[in-house]
Amino acid sequence: KVQHIWMSLHTSSDLLAMEWAAWGLEQSFAGIQVKWILPLFRTNLSKELDFRLEALNSRRCASNFKHDPSVKIPDDIPELTSRRVLTMEFIDGIKVDDVPRLVESGFDPADVANAVTNAFG
C-alpha cells in the first residue's frame, strides 16, 4: 500500500473545506451541531496517514485472533514499511461473497458466514 505524496499536501485544504461545510450545515439547519467533530478529524488524520500505525494495529489485531484458526491476518514486513508505504505478506483468498468459488474450493458458505459473524460480531 503506497500513499501518494499529494495525500499529505491536501490535508490542510481538506480540513478547511470540512470547516466550511460544518459552518454551512450549522447555519442552514437550526439545532444541528457538527463542528465538535473537527478537532477529532484533525487529531486522527495524521494518524490515518501514518502506515506504521496501521502495521501496528494489524499486529494487534493478529494477536487478538491468534487462537482463532478461521481468521488469518497478513503479517506486515517491518523493514519494508514506512510512514507512506505498508508492505504485507500476500495471502491468496476468496471473497466471502463469491459463493460459487467457495463451494468449488470445498468451503461451506454457512461456515464462512458463521466465521465472519464470530470475528466481527
Protein backbone atom coordinates (compact mmCIF):
# COMPACT_ATOMS: atom_id res chain seq x y z
CA LYS A 1 0.00 0.00 0.00
CA VAL A 2 1.57 3.25 -1.12
CA GLN A 3 0.46 6.70 -0.07
CA HIS A 4 0.86 9.25 -2.82
CA ILE A 5 2.74 12.41 -1.89
CA TRP A 6 -0.24 14.61 -2.72
CA MET A 7 -2.27 13.00 0.10
CA SER A 8 -0.42 14.89 2.82
CA LEU A 9 -0.30 18.05 0.70
CA HIS A 10 -4.09 18.32 0.58
CA THR A 11 -4.95 17.65 4.22
CA SER A 12 -4.95 21.32 5.24
CA SER A 13 -7.27 22.30 2.43
CA ASP A 14 -9.48 19.27 3.10
CA LEU A 15 -9.81 20.25 6.75
CA LEU A 16 -10.64 23.82 5.76
CA ALA A 17 -13.34 22.54 3.40
CA MET A 18 -14.76 20.46 6.24
CA GLU A 19 -14.83 23.54 8.48
CA TRP A 20 -16.76 25.48 5.84
CA ALA A 21 -19.17 22.58 5.32
CA ALA A 22 -19.74 22.26 9.07
CA TRP A 23 -20.33 26.00 9.37
CA GLY A 24 -22.78 25.86 6.44
CA LEU A 25 -24.71 22.97 7.97
CA GLU A 26 -24.97 24.69 11.33
CA GLN A 27 -26.13 27.92 9.66
CA SER A 28 -28.66 26.17 7.45
CA PHE A 29 -30.22 23.83 9.99
CA ALA A 30 -31.11 25.20 13.40
CA GLY A 31 -30.07 22.92 16.23
CA ILE A 32 -27.58 20.91 14.16
CA GLN A 33 -24.11 20.88 15.71
CA VAL A 34 -21.32 19.23 13.75
CA LYS A 35 -18.26 21.42 14.36
CA TRP A 36 -17.46 19.46 17.53
CA ILE A 37 -16.09 16.64 15.37
CA LEU A 38 -13.49 18.79 13.60
CA PRO A 39 -10.82 18.53 16.34
CA LEU A 40 -11.20 14.74 16.22
CA PHE A 41 -10.59 14.79 12.47
CA ARG A 42 -7.54 17.00 12.90
CA THR A 43 -6.09 14.71 15.56
CA ASN A 44 -6.82 11.43 13.79
CA LEU A 45 -5.99 12.43 10.23
CA SER A 46 -2.24 12.43 10.88
CA LYS A 47 -2.57 9.00 12.48
CA GLU A 48 -4.50 7.68 9.48
CA LEU A 49 -1.77 8.91 7.16
CA ASP A 50 1.00 7.02 9.02
CA PHE A 51 1.11 3.45 7.73
CA ARG A 52 3.46 2.41 10.56
CA LEU A 53 0.47 2.80 12.90
CA GLU A 54 -1.65 0.72 10.53
CA ALA A 55 1.00 -2.01 10.70
CA LEU A 56 0.98 -1.81 14.50
CA ASN A 57 -2.81 -2.11 14.55
CA SER A 58 -2.61 -5.08 12.18
CA ARG A 59 -0.20 -6.85 14.56
CA ARG A 60 -2.55 -6.05 17.47
CA CYS A 61 -5.49 -7.48 15.51
CA ALA A 62 -3.49 -10.63 14.66
CA SER A 63 -2.68 -11.06 18.35
CA ASN A 64 -6.38 -10.75 19.23
CA PHE A 65 -7.26 -13.55 16.78
CA LYS A 66 -4.22 -15.80 17.28
CA HIS A 67 -6.35 -18.57 18.79
CA ASP A 68 -8.99 -18.44 16.05
CA PRO A 69 -7.94 -20.66 13.11
CA SER A 70 -10.71 -19.21 10.93
CA VAL A 71 -9.06 -15.76 10.92
CA LYS A 72 -5.76 -15.00 9.20
CA ILE A 73 -4.28 -11.50 9.35
CA PRO A 74 -1.44 -10.90 6.87
CA ASP A 75 1.93 -10.28 8.53
CA ASP A 76 3.46 -6.89 7.89
CA ILE A 77 7.08 -6.65 6.77
CA PRO A 78 8.57 -4.02 9.11
CA GLU A 79 11.80 -3.48 7.18
CA LEU A 80 9.74 -2.57 4.08
CA THR A 81 7.16 -0.45 5.90
CA SER A 82 7.39 3.31 6.48
CA ARG A 83 5.09 6.24 7.13
CA ARG A 84 3.95 6.20 3.49
CA VAL A 85 4.47 2.53 2.49
CA LEU A 86 2.82 -0.52 4.06
CA THR A 87 4.17 -3.88 2.94
CA MET A 88 2.41 -7.08 3.98
CA GLU A 89 2.55 -10.72 3.03
CA PHE A 90 0.31 -11.82 0.17
CA ILE A 91 -2.45 -14.24 1.10
CA ASP A 92 -4.41 -15.79 -1.74
CA GLY A 93 -8.03 -15.97 -0.77
CA ILE A 94 -11.63 -15.98 -1.87
CA LYS A 95 -14.07 -13.14 -1.23
CA VAL A 96 -16.77 -14.17 1.21
CA ASP A 97 -19.49 -13.21 -1.29
CA ASP A 98 -18.05 -15.39 -4.08
CA VAL A 99 -20.26 -18.36 -3.15
CA PRO A 100 -19.60 -20.45 -6.30
CA ARG A 101 -15.85 -20.25 -5.78
CA LEU A 102 -16.19 -21.02 -2.06
CA VAL A 103 -18.20 -24.15 -2.84
CA GLU A 104 -15.82 -25.12 -5.66
CA SER A 105 -12.90 -24.82 -3.20
CA GLY A 106 -14.60 -27.05 -0.60
CA PHE A 107 -15.91 -24.38 1.78
CA ASP A 108 -19.42 -24.41 3.18
CA PRO A 109 -20.79 -20.86 2.74
CA ALA A 110 -22.73 -21.20 6.01
CA ASP A 111 -19.48 -21.99 7.87
CA VAL A 112 -17.82 -18.98 6.23
CA ALA A 113 -20.75 -16.76 7.22
CA ASN A 114 -20.54 -18.01 10.80
CA ALA A 115 -16.78 -17.36 10.92
CA VAL A 116 -17.28 -13.79 9.68
CA THR A 117 -20.09 -13.21 12.15
CA ASN A 118 -18.00 -14.54 15.02
CA ALA A 119 -14.98 -12.46 14.02
CA PHE A 120 -16.89 -9.19 13.63
CA GLY A 121 -19.93 -9.90 15.79
